[in-house]
Protein backbone atom coordinates (compact mmCIF):
# COMPACT_ATOMS: atom_id res chain seq x y z
CA MET A 1 177.93 -53.10 -98.71
CA GLU A 2 175.36 -52.16 -101.80
CA ASN A 3 173.73 -54.36 -103.95
CA ARG A 4 174.18 -53.79 -108.08
CA LEU A 5 171.55 -54.47 -110.01
CA VAL A 6 172.46 -55.51 -113.09
CA VAL A 7 170.87 -56.71 -116.91
CA VAL A 8 172.40 -59.16 -119.27
CA ALA A 9 171.74 -59.93 -122.81
CA TYR A 10 172.41 -63.34 -124.33
CA LYS A 11 171.61 -63.77 -127.79
CA PRO A 12 171.67 -67.82 -128.63
CA LYS A 13 173.35 -69.05 -130.91
CA PRO A 14 172.03 -71.19 -134.22
CA VAL A 15 169.74 -74.11 -132.77
CA LYS A 16 170.42 -73.19 -129.13
CA GLU A 17 167.66 -71.46 -127.61
CA SER A 18 166.22 -74.26 -125.73
CA GLU A 19 170.07 -75.14 -124.10
CA LEU A 20 170.30 -71.14 -123.52
CA GLU A 21 166.68 -70.84 -121.67
CA ASN A 22 167.91 -73.93 -119.41
CA LEU A 23 170.82 -72.45 -118.52
CA VAL A 24 169.32 -69.08 -117.56
CA GLN A 25 166.71 -70.71 -115.60
CA GLY A 26 169.29 -72.33 -113.10
CA HIS A 27 171.79 -68.59 -113.57
CA HIS A 28 170.37 -67.07 -110.81
CA ALA A 29 170.51 -70.34 -108.18
CA ARG A 30 173.99 -71.28 -108.98
CA LEU A 31 175.27 -67.72 -108.20
CA LEU A 32 173.06 -67.98 -104.89
CA GLU A 33 174.52 -70.89 -103.90
CA GLU A 34 178.20 -69.26 -104.49
CA GLY A 35 176.92 -66.05 -102.21
CA LEU A 36 177.05 -63.92 -104.60
CA VAL A 37 173.35 -62.68 -105.14
CA THR A 38 170.50 -61.55 -103.50
CA ALA A 39 167.72 -63.85 -103.16
CA LYS A 40 165.49 -61.62 -104.93
CA PRO A 41 164.39 -63.71 -108.16
CA PRO A 42 165.58 -62.29 -111.40
CA PHE A 43 163.21 -61.00 -114.13
CA ILE A 44 163.76 -63.03 -117.76
CA GLY A 45 162.44 -61.74 -120.79
CA LYS A 46 162.70 -62.49 -124.25
CA ALA A 47 163.25 -60.36 -127.30
CA LYS A 48 161.34 -61.24 -130.84
CA ASP A 49 164.44 -62.35 -132.26
CA GLY A 50 165.13 -65.15 -129.07
CA THR A 51 167.61 -62.75 -126.73
CA LEU A 52 166.90 -63.58 -123.07
CA LEU A 53 167.38 -60.46 -120.99
CA GLU A 54 167.88 -61.56 -117.34
CA ILE A 55 168.14 -58.69 -114.25
CA PHE A 56 169.25 -59.65 -111.05
CA GLU A 57 170.87 -58.13 -108.11
CA TRP A 58 174.77 -58.80 -107.01
CA ILE A 59 175.01 -58.78 -103.40
CA SER A 60 178.09 -56.02 -104.16
CA PRO A 61 180.49 -54.60 -106.21
CA GLU A 62 182.94 -57.02 -104.50
CA ALA A 63 180.68 -59.97 -105.46
CA ILE A 64 180.86 -59.22 -109.53
CA GLN A 65 184.34 -59.27 -109.04
CA ALA A 66 184.97 -62.25 -107.31
CA ALA A 67 182.69 -64.01 -109.88
CA HIS A 68 185.34 -63.66 -111.94
CA THR A 69 187.96 -65.87 -110.29
CA ASN A 70 185.18 -68.12 -108.42
CA PRO A 71 185.80 -71.72 -110.16
CA ALA A 72 181.81 -72.56 -110.13
CA VAL A 73 180.79 -69.63 -111.87
CA LEU A 74 183.85 -69.94 -114.52
CA THR A 75 182.45 -73.15 -115.26
CA LEU A 76 179.12 -71.27 -115.87
CA TRP A 77 180.17 -68.54 -118.13
CA ASN A 78 181.84 -71.46 -119.86
CA GLU A 79 178.52 -73.13 -120.57
CA PHE A 80 176.79 -69.81 -121.30
CA GLU A 81 179.62 -69.25 -124.18
CA ALA A 82 179.02 -72.62 -125.77
CA VAL A 83 175.22 -71.53 -126.66
CA CYS A 84 175.24 -67.43 -126.86
CA GLU A 85 176.32 -64.71 -127.03
CA TYR A 86 176.53 -62.01 -124.79
CA LEU A 87 175.24 -58.74 -126.46
CA PRO A 88 175.00 -55.35 -124.84
CA ALA A 89 171.48 -54.45 -123.62
CA GLY A 90 171.45 -51.25 -125.18
CA GLN A 91 171.73 -53.58 -128.88
CA VAL A 92 168.59 -55.50 -128.11
CA PRO A 93 166.33 -53.46 -130.17
CA GLU A 94 163.10 -53.25 -127.99
CA LEU A 95 165.34 -51.15 -125.77
CA GLN A 96 165.32 -48.34 -128.68
CA GLN A 97 161.62 -47.97 -127.38
CA MET A 98 160.38 -45.49 -124.68
CA PHE A 99 158.81 -48.50 -123.09
CA SER A 100 160.58 -51.69 -123.97
CA GLU A 101 158.17 -54.66 -124.24
CA PHE A 102 159.37 -58.27 -123.79
CA SER A 103 157.63 -61.79 -123.33
CA ALA A 104 157.81 -62.81 -119.98
CA VAL A 105 159.79 -65.96 -119.25
CA LYS A 106 157.94 -67.96 -115.97
CA LEU A 107 161.36 -69.10 -113.84
CA GLU A 108 160.58 -72.67 -113.33
CA LEU A 109 162.13 -72.57 -109.24
């Protein structure tokens, strides 16, 4: 099995910033409960426009595919869709810089 590192960008819908941050705070733990990600804590950063970036590690490409039929994950993704839009990470302006800087978001374990 080969672990897969991913970068996800979540742009909050208007007035949904705190709800999004709460979801991101619990995202990794919920995926970990389903046995889909490694125990390595994710990195979470905030762009100037409020977009959150999360970097975490799936346990395998198969785990990524399994997530698409996992009822708990599908529920979680519906919660995310209510408060944000997913962006290709490359659309986050900071990522156009040679050295991309973000505000660090402390993970509350």
